[in-house]
Amino acid sequence: MKNSHQLKVKLQEHCLQFIENKLQTIQNTIKEIQESLTSETKSSAGDKHETGRAMLQLEREKAGNQLAEILKTKSYFSKINFEKTSQTIGVGSMVFTSKSNYFIAISAGEITAENTRFFAVSPNTPIGKLLIGKTVGDTVNFREQAFKIQSIY
């Protein structure tokens, strides 16, 4: 495929944008929680006040965990060598099969690039684990469907 490099770059850009959007959303959530905590402190007193603060603390903790997770994903993504091509599917591979196409990097859902549909999947997902290590011509069975690996970039 002559435009495989361009296609791979577009998939990378989409995944990076996915990470950035998620990061921005989480940061906005944390900011809103902080503002709510600040206004809670200024306003009410009593049991209702304590319950509200406790709920906000839990939300902040949850958002903090999400932030740590997306930062871990961003760091992992930045270390993937997308230039490497191999006959064997690995992290960074663009895989064409008889059923669907896959981009092995992070779980970022469905992506359409150059009029071609891909599923961005992490190597830790069930389909990712099945694909890793396979080569062109191998058959993969997933969710009661068999499909053949046609090409790897």
N, C-alpha and C. Protein backbone atom coordinates (compact mmCIF):
# COMPACT_ATOMS: atom_id res chain seq x y z
N MET A 1 0.86 -1.19 0.00
CA MET A 1 0.00 0.00 0.00
C MET A 1 0.88 1.23 0.00
N LYS A 2 0.75 2.06 -1.04
CA LYS A 2 1.67 3.17 -1.21
C LYS A 2 1.51 4.28 -0.16
N ASN A 3 0.31 4.50 0.34
CA ASN A 3 0.10 5.56 1.32
C ASN A 3 0.07 5.06 2.75
N SER A 4 0.64 3.89 2.99
CA SER A 4 0.56 3.31 4.32
C SER A 4 1.23 4.20 5.37
N HIS A 5 2.32 4.86 5.01
CA HIS A 5 2.99 5.75 5.97
C HIS A 5 2.09 6.93 6.34
N GLN A 6 1.49 7.55 5.31
CA GLN A 6 0.57 8.69 5.55
C GLN A 6 -0.61 8.25 6.43
N LEU A 7 -1.13 7.10 6.14
CA LEU A 7 -2.27 6.56 6.87
C LEU A 7 -1.90 6.33 8.33
N LYS A 8 -0.73 5.76 8.55
CA LYS A 8 -0.26 5.50 9.90
C LYS A 8 -0.09 6.81 10.67
N VAL A 9 0.44 7.83 10.01
CA VAL A 9 0.63 9.14 10.64
C VAL A 9 -0.73 9.72 11.04
N LYS A 10 -1.73 9.59 10.17
CA LYS A 10 -3.08 10.09 10.49
C LYS A 10 -3.66 9.35 11.70
N LEU A 11 -3.45 8.04 11.78
CA LEU A 11 -3.93 7.26 12.91
C LEU A 11 -3.23 7.69 14.20
N GLN A 12 -1.92 7.94 14.11
CA GLN A 12 -1.16 8.43 15.27
C GLN A 12 -1.73 9.77 15.74
N GLU A 13 -1.94 10.68 14.77
CA GLU A 13 -2.47 12.01 15.11
C GLU A 13 -3.83 11.90 15.79
N HIS A 14 -4.67 11.01 15.28
CA HIS A 14 -6.00 10.84 15.87
C HIS A 14 -5.88 10.34 17.31
N CYS A 15 -5.01 9.38 17.54
CA CYS A 15 -4.83 8.84 18.90
C CYS A 15 -4.29 9.91 19.84
N LEU A 16 -3.34 10.70 19.35
CA LEU A 16 -2.79 11.77 20.17
C LEU A 16 -3.88 12.80 20.51
N GLN A 17 -4.71 13.12 19.53
CA GLN A 17 -5.82 14.05 19.75
C GLN A 17 -6.81 13.47 20.76
N PHE A 18 -7.06 12.18 20.67
CA PHE A 18 -7.94 11.48 21.61
C PHE A 18 -7.41 11.64 23.04
N ILE A 19 -6.09 11.44 23.20
CA ILE A 19 -5.45 11.58 24.52
C ILE A 19 -5.57 13.02 25.01
N GLU A 20 -5.25 13.98 24.14
CA GLU A 20 -5.30 15.40 24.52
C GLU A 20 -6.71 15.83 24.92
N ASN A 21 -7.72 15.38 24.17
CA ASN A 21 -9.11 15.73 24.50
C ASN A 21 -9.51 15.18 25.86
N LYS A 22 -9.14 13.93 26.10
CA LYS A 22 -9.46 13.28 27.37
C LYS A 22 -8.75 14.01 28.53
N LEU A 23 -7.50 14.36 28.30
CA LEU A 23 -6.70 15.07 29.30
C LEU A 23 -7.35 16.42 29.63
N GLN A 24 -7.76 17.14 28.59
CA GLN A 24 -8.40 18.45 28.77
C GLN A 24 -9.70 18.32 29.57
N THR A 25 -10.50 17.32 29.24
CA THR A 25 -11.77 17.09 29.93
C THR A 25 -11.53 16.83 31.42
N ILE A 26 -10.56 15.97 31.71
CA ILE A 26 -10.26 15.64 33.11
C ILE A 26 -9.73 16.87 33.85
N GLN A 27 -8.86 17.64 33.21
CA GLN A 27 -8.33 18.85 33.85
C GLN A 27 -9.45 19.86 34.13
N ASN A 28 -10.39 19.98 33.20
CA ASN A 28 -11.53 20.89 33.42
C ASN A 28 -12.38 20.41 34.59
N THR A 29 -12.59 19.10 34.67
CA THR A 29 -13.37 18.52 35.77
C THR A 29 -12.71 18.83 37.11
N ILE A 30 -11.39 18.63 37.17
CA ILE A 30 -10.65 18.90 38.40
C ILE A 30 -10.77 20.36 38.79
N LYS A 31 -10.66 21.24 37.80
CA LYS A 31 -10.78 22.69 38.06
C LYS A 31 -12.17 23.02 38.61
N GLU A 32 -13.21 22.45 38.01
CA GLU A 32 -14.58 22.69 38.48
C GLU A 32 -14.78 22.20 39.91
N ILE A 33 -14.23 21.02 40.21
CA ILE A 33 -14.34 20.46 41.57
C ILE A 33 -13.62 21.38 42.56
N GLN A 34 -12.44 21.86 42.18
CA GLN A 34 -11.69 22.77 43.06
C GLN A 34 -12.51 24.04 43.34
N GLU A 35 -13.12 24.57 42.28
CA GLU A 35 -13.93 25.78 42.45
C GLU A 35 -15.13 25.50 43.35
N SER A 36 -15.75 24.34 43.19
CA SER A 36 -16.88 23.96 44.03
C SER A 36 -16.45 23.80 45.49
N LEU A 37 -15.29 23.19 45.69
CA LEU A 37 -14.78 23.02 47.05
C LEU A 37 -14.52 24.37 47.70
N THR A 38 -13.97 25.29 46.94
CA THR A 38 -13.69 26.63 47.45
C THR A 38 -14.99 27.34 47.82
N SER A 39 -16.00 27.25 46.97
CA SER A 39 -17.27 27.92 47.27
C SER A 39 -18.02 27.23 48.40
N GLU A 40 -17.88 25.89 48.52
CA GLU A 40 -18.50 25.15 49.63
C GLU A 40 -17.91 25.64 50.96
N THR A 41 -16.61 25.86 50.96
CA THR A 41 -15.93 26.30 52.18
C THR A 41 -16.46 27.66 52.61
N LYS A 42 -16.71 28.53 51.65
CA LYS A 42 -17.17 29.88 51.96
C LYS A 42 -18.63 29.92 52.40
N SER A 43 -19.44 28.98 51.91
CA SER A 43 -20.88 29.10 52.13
C SER A 43 -21.38 28.42 53.39
N SER A 44 -21.94 27.26 53.26
CA SER A 44 -22.73 26.66 54.33
C SER A 44 -21.91 26.02 55.46
N ALA A 45 -22.65 25.65 56.50
CA ALA A 45 -22.06 24.95 57.64
C ALA A 45 -22.96 23.78 58.00
N GLY A 46 -22.50 22.92 58.89
CA GLY A 46 -23.35 21.82 59.34
C GLY A 46 -23.15 20.55 58.56
N ASP A 47 -24.08 19.60 58.80
CA ASP A 47 -23.98 18.26 58.20
C ASP A 47 -24.05 18.29 56.68
N LYS A 48 -24.96 19.10 56.14
CA LYS A 48 -25.13 19.19 54.69
C LYS A 48 -23.81 19.65 54.05
N HIS A 49 -23.19 20.61 54.69
CA HIS A 49 -21.91 21.15 54.21
C HIS A 49 -20.85 20.05 54.18
N GLU A 50 -20.75 19.26 55.27
CA GLU A 50 -19.76 18.18 55.36
C GLU A 50 -20.01 17.11 54.31
N THR A 51 -21.27 16.76 54.08
CA THR A 51 -21.62 15.76 53.07
C THR A 51 -21.22 16.26 51.68
N GLY A 52 -21.53 17.51 51.39
CA GLY A 52 -21.16 18.12 50.10
C GLY A 52 -19.67 18.11 49.88
N ARG A 53 -18.92 18.47 50.91
CA ARG A 53 -17.45 18.47 50.82
C ARG A 53 -16.91 17.05 50.60
N ALA A 54 -17.48 16.09 51.33
CA ALA A 54 -17.04 14.70 51.20
C ALA A 54 -17.28 14.19 49.78
N MET A 55 -18.44 14.52 49.22
CA MET A 55 -18.76 14.10 47.85
C MET A 55 -17.78 14.73 46.86
N LEU A 56 -17.48 16.00 47.06
CA LEU A 56 -16.54 16.68 46.17
C LEU A 56 -15.13 16.09 46.31
N GLN A 57 -14.75 15.73 47.52
CA GLN A 57 -13.43 15.11 47.73
C GLN A 57 -13.34 13.78 46.97
N LEU A 58 -14.44 13.00 47.03
CA LEU A 58 -14.47 11.73 46.30
C LEU A 58 -14.38 11.96 44.79
N GLU A 59 -15.10 12.95 44.31
CA GLU A 59 -15.05 13.29 42.87
C GLU A 59 -13.64 13.71 42.47
N ARG A 60 -13.00 14.50 43.35
CA ARG A 60 -11.65 14.97 43.05
C ARG A 60 -10.68 13.79 43.01
N GLU A 61 -10.85 12.85 43.92
CA GLU A 61 -9.99 11.67 43.96
C GLU A 61 -10.18 10.84 42.68
N LYS A 62 -11.43 10.66 42.27
CA LYS A 62 -11.73 9.90 41.05
C LYS A 62 -11.11 10.59 39.82
N ALA A 63 -11.27 11.90 39.75
CA ALA A 63 -10.70 12.66 38.64
C ALA A 63 -9.17 12.59 38.67
N GLY A 64 -8.60 12.59 39.87
CA GLY A 64 -7.15 12.46 40.01
C GLY A 64 -6.66 11.13 39.48
N ASN A 65 -7.41 10.06 39.77
CA ASN A 65 -7.06 8.73 39.25
C ASN A 65 -7.15 8.70 37.73
N GLN A 66 -8.20 9.34 37.19
CA GLN A 66 -8.36 9.39 35.73
C GLN A 66 -7.20 10.17 35.10
N LEU A 67 -6.81 11.25 35.77
CA LEU A 67 -5.69 12.06 35.28
C LEU A 67 -4.41 11.23 35.24
N ALA A 68 -4.14 10.50 36.32
CA ALA A 68 -2.94 9.66 36.38
C ALA A 68 -2.97 8.62 35.25
N GLU A 69 -4.14 8.04 35.01
CA GLU A 69 -4.30 7.00 33.99
C GLU A 69 -4.04 7.57 32.58
N ILE A 70 -4.60 8.74 32.28
CA ILE A 70 -4.42 9.31 30.94
C ILE A 70 -2.97 9.80 30.75
N LEU A 71 -2.34 10.27 31.81
CA LEU A 71 -0.93 10.67 31.70
C LEU A 71 -0.04 9.45 31.46
N LYS A 72 -0.41 8.33 32.06
CA LYS A 72 0.31 7.07 31.84
C LYS A 72 0.14 6.64 30.38
N THR A 73 -1.09 6.77 29.86
CA THR A 73 -1.37 6.42 28.46
C THR A 73 -0.57 7.32 27.52
N LYS A 74 -0.53 8.62 27.84
CA LYS A 74 0.20 9.58 27.00
C LYS A 74 1.69 9.23 26.97
N SER A 75 2.24 8.90 28.11
CA SER A 75 3.65 8.53 28.21
C SER A 75 3.93 7.26 27.41
N TYR A 76 3.06 6.26 27.58
CA TYR A 76 3.18 4.99 26.86
C TYR A 76 3.13 5.24 25.35
N PHE A 77 2.17 6.05 24.91
CA PHE A 77 1.98 6.33 23.48
C PHE A 77 3.22 7.00 22.90
N SER A 78 3.82 7.91 23.66
CA SER A 78 4.98 8.65 23.16
C SER A 78 6.20 7.76 22.96
N LYS A 79 6.20 6.58 23.58
CA LYS A 79 7.35 5.67 23.48
C LYS A 79 7.20 4.63 22.36
N ILE A 80 6.03 4.59 21.72
CA ILE A 80 5.81 3.61 20.65
C ILE A 80 6.60 4.02 19.41
N ASN A 81 7.31 3.05 18.83
CA ASN A 81 8.05 3.29 17.60
C ASN A 81 7.14 2.93 16.42
N PHE A 82 6.55 3.96 15.82
CA PHE A 82 5.63 3.74 14.69
C PHE A 82 6.37 3.57 13.36
N GLU A 83 7.65 3.91 13.35
CA GLU A 83 8.43 3.82 12.11
C GLU A 83 8.80 2.37 11.81
N LYS A 84 8.90 1.58 12.86
CA LYS A 84 9.32 0.17 12.72
C LYS A 84 8.23 -0.60 11.97
N THR A 85 8.65 -1.32 10.95
CA THR A 85 7.70 -2.20 10.26
C THR A 85 8.19 -3.62 10.45
N SER A 86 7.26 -4.53 10.50
CA SER A 86 7.60 -5.91 10.78
C SER A 86 6.60 -6.82 10.09
N GLN A 87 7.00 -8.03 9.90
CA GLN A 87 6.08 -9.02 9.32
C GLN A 87 5.17 -9.60 10.40
N THR A 88 5.51 -9.29 11.65
CA THR A 88 4.75 -9.77 12.80
C THR A 88 4.03 -8.59 13.46
N ILE A 89 2.78 -8.78 13.85
CA ILE A 89 2.01 -7.70 14.49
C ILE A 89 2.58 -7.41 15.88
N GLY A 90 2.79 -6.13 16.11
CA GLY A 90 3.28 -5.67 17.41
C GLY A 90 2.69 -4.31 17.71
N VAL A 91 3.12 -3.71 18.82
CA VAL A 91 2.64 -2.37 19.17
C VAL A 91 3.12 -1.40 18.09
N GLY A 92 2.19 -0.59 17.58
CA GLY A 92 2.50 0.35 16.51
C GLY A 92 2.12 -0.16 15.13
N SER A 93 1.67 -1.41 15.05
CA SER A 93 1.29 -2.00 13.76
C SER A 93 -0.07 -1.51 13.27
N MET A 94 -0.18 -1.38 11.97
CA MET A 94 -1.43 -1.10 11.29
C MET A 94 -1.77 -2.42 10.60
N VAL A 95 -2.93 -2.99 10.96
CA VAL A 95 -3.26 -4.34 10.52
C VAL A 95 -4.54 -4.34 9.68
N PHE A 96 -4.46 -4.94 8.51
CA PHE A 96 -5.62 -5.09 7.64
C PHE A 96 -6.04 -6.56 7.67
N THR A 97 -7.33 -6.80 7.95
CA THR A 97 -7.82 -8.18 7.98
C THR A 97 -9.02 -8.29 7.04
N SER A 98 -9.52 -9.49 6.87
CA SER A 98 -10.67 -9.73 6.01
C SER A 98 -11.96 -9.15 6.61
N LYS A 99 -11.97 -8.84 7.90
CA LYS A 99 -13.17 -8.27 8.54
C LYS A 99 -12.99 -6.78 8.87
N SER A 100 -12.00 -6.47 9.70
CA SER A 100 -11.79 -5.10 10.18
C SER A 100 -10.31 -4.77 10.10
N ASN A 101 -10.02 -3.47 10.27
CA ASN A 101 -8.64 -3.02 10.29
C ASN A 101 -8.33 -2.52 11.69
N TYR A 102 -7.08 -2.74 12.13
CA TYR A 102 -6.71 -2.39 13.49
C TYR A 102 -5.44 -1.57 13.53
N PHE A 103 -5.37 -0.70 14.51
CA PHE A 103 -4.17 0.07 14.78
C PHE A 103 -3.80 -0.27 16.22
N ILE A 104 -2.69 -0.97 16.40
CA ILE A 104 -2.30 -1.44 17.72
C ILE A 104 -1.49 -0.35 18.42
N ALA A 105 -2.13 0.35 19.35
CA ALA A 105 -1.45 1.42 20.08
C ALA A 105 -2.15 1.63 21.43
N ILE A 106 -3.24 2.41 21.38
CA ILE A 106 -4.05 2.65 22.59
C ILE A 106 -5.51 2.41 22.23
N SER A 107 -6.33 2.21 23.22
CA SER A 107 -7.76 2.06 22.97
C SER A 107 -8.36 3.44 22.75
N ALA A 108 -8.63 3.74 21.49
CA ALA A 108 -9.18 5.07 21.15
C ALA A 108 -10.42 4.93 20.28
N GLY A 109 -10.98 3.72 20.23
CA GLY A 109 -12.22 3.53 19.48
C GLY A 109 -12.03 3.46 17.99
N GLU A 110 -13.11 3.78 17.29
CA GLU A 110 -13.14 3.70 15.83
C GLU A 110 -12.57 4.98 15.22
N ILE A 111 -11.74 4.81 14.20
CA ILE A 111 -11.12 5.94 13.50
C ILE A 111 -11.33 5.74 12.00
N THR A 112 -11.69 6.80 11.30
CA THR A 112 -11.72 6.74 9.84
C THR A 112 -10.63 7.66 9.33
N ALA A 113 -9.73 7.09 8.56
CA ALA A 113 -8.62 7.86 7.98
C ALA A 113 -8.48 7.44 6.53
N GLU A 114 -8.38 8.42 5.64
CA GLU A 114 -8.25 8.13 4.20
C GLU A 114 -9.37 7.19 3.74
N ASN A 115 -10.58 7.42 4.19
CA ASN A 115 -11.77 6.62 3.85
C ASN A 115 -11.65 5.15 4.26
N THR A 116 -10.80 4.87 5.21
CA THR A 116 -10.63 3.50 5.70
C THR A 116 -10.92 3.49 7.19
N ARG A 117 -11.72 2.51 7.61
CA ARG A 117 -12.12 2.41 9.01
C ARG A 117 -11.14 1.52 9.78
N PHE A 118 -10.73 2.02 10.94
CA PHE A 118 -9.82 1.27 11.82
C PHE A 118 -10.40 1.25 13.23
N PHE A 119 -9.93 0.29 14.00
CA PHE A 119 -10.19 0.27 15.43
C PHE A 119 -8.84 0.43 16.11
N ALA A 120 -8.71 1.51 16.87
CA ALA A 120 -7.48 1.72 17.63
C ALA A 120 -7.62 0.92 18.91
N VAL A 121 -6.76 -0.06 19.09
CA VAL A 121 -6.85 -0.95 20.25
C VAL A 121 -5.51 -1.04 20.97
N SER A 122 -5.60 -1.22 22.26
CA SER A 122 -4.42 -1.43 23.08
C SER A 122 -4.00 -2.90 22.95
N PRO A 123 -2.71 -3.18 23.09
CA PRO A 123 -2.29 -4.58 23.03
C PRO A 123 -2.83 -5.40 24.21
N ASN A 124 -3.35 -4.72 25.24
CA ASN A 124 -3.89 -5.41 26.42
C ASN A 124 -5.35 -5.79 26.28
N THR A 125 -6.01 -5.33 25.22
CA THR A 125 -7.43 -5.67 25.02
C THR A 125 -7.52 -7.11 24.50
N PRO A 126 -8.69 -7.73 24.61
CA PRO A 126 -8.82 -9.11 24.10
C PRO A 126 -8.41 -9.25 22.63
N ILE A 127 -8.86 -8.34 21.77
CA ILE A 127 -8.50 -8.43 20.34
C ILE A 127 -7.02 -8.12 20.15
N GLY A 128 -6.51 -7.16 20.92
CA GLY A 128 -5.08 -6.81 20.84
C GLY A 128 -4.21 -8.01 21.18
N LYS A 129 -4.57 -8.73 22.26
CA LYS A 129 -3.81 -9.91 22.68
C LYS A 129 -3.84 -10.99 21.60
N LEU A 130 -4.97 -11.12 20.92
CA LEU A 130 -5.08 -12.13 19.85
C LEU A 130 -4.22 -11.77 18.65
N LEU A 131 -4.15 -10.48 18.33
CA LEU A 131 -3.42 -10.05 17.13
C LEU A 131 -1.91 -10.04 17.31
N ILE A 132 -1.44 -9.65 18.49
CA ILE A 132 0.00 -9.54 18.73
C ILE A 132 0.70 -10.87 18.40
N GLY A 133 1.76 -10.76 17.61
CA GLY A 133 2.55 -11.95 17.26
C GLY A 133 2.09 -12.66 16.00
N LYS A 134 0.92 -12.29 15.47
CA LYS A 134 0.41 -12.95 14.25
C LYS A 134 1.12 -12.37 13.03
N THR A 135 1.05 -13.12 11.93
CA THR A 135 1.65 -12.68 10.67
C THR A 135 0.62 -12.77 9.54
N VAL A 136 0.97 -12.22 8.37
CA VAL A 136 0.08 -12.24 7.21
C VAL A 136 -0.27 -13.69 6.88
N GLY A 137 -1.56 -13.91 6.66
CA GLY A 137 -2.04 -15.24 6.33
C GLY A 137 -2.61 -15.99 7.53
N ASP A 138 -2.26 -15.54 8.74
CA ASP A 138 -2.81 -16.18 9.95
C ASP A 138 -4.30 -15.90 10.06
N THR A 139 -5.01 -16.84 10.65
CA THR A 139 -6.44 -16.67 10.91
C THR A 139 -6.64 -16.43 12.40
N VAL A 140 -7.50 -15.46 12.71
CA VAL A 140 -7.79 -15.12 14.10
C VAL A 140 -9.27 -15.39 14.35
N ASN A 141 -9.58 -16.02 15.47
CA ASN A 141 -10.97 -16.26 15.87
C ASN A 141 -11.30 -15.33 17.03
N PHE A 142 -12.29 -14.47 16.80
CA PHE A 142 -12.69 -13.52 17.84
C PHE A 142 -14.20 -13.38 17.84
N ARG A 143 -14.80 -13.56 19.01
CA ARG A 143 -16.26 -13.48 19.16
C ARG A 143 -16.99 -14.30 18.10
N GLU A 144 -16.60 -15.54 18.00
CA GLU A 144 -17.22 -16.50 17.08
C GLU A 144 -17.13 -16.11 15.61
N GLN A 145 -16.16 -15.27 15.28
CA GLN A 145 -15.92 -14.92 13.88
C GLN A 145 -14.44 -15.18 13.57
N ALA A 146 -14.21 -15.74 12.40
CA ALA A 146 -12.83 -15.97 11.98
C ALA A 146 -12.49 -14.95 10.90
N PHE A 147 -11.31 -14.39 11.00
CA PHE A 147 -10.86 -13.49 9.93
C PHE A 147 -9.36 -13.69 9.70
N LYS A 148 -8.96 -13.34 8.47
CA LYS A 148 -7.59 -13.60 8.04
C LYS A 148 -6.80 -12.28 8.00
N ILE A 149 -5.57 -12.35 8.44
CA ILE A 149 -4.70 -11.16 8.40
C ILE A 149 -4.18 -11.02 6.97
N GLN A 150 -4.48 -9.87 6.36
CA GLN A 150 -4.11 -9.65 4.95
C GLN A 150 -2.82 -8.87 4.78
N SER A 151 -2.61 -7.84 5.62
CA SER A 151 -1.35 -7.10 5.54
C SER A 151 -1.06 -6.38 6.85
N ILE A 152 0.24 -6.12 7.06
CA ILE A 152 0.71 -5.47 8.28
C ILE A 152 1.67 -4.35 7.86
N TYR A 153 1.49 -3.17 8.44
CA TYR A 153 2.43 -2.05 8.18
C TYR A 153 2.91 -1.49 9.48
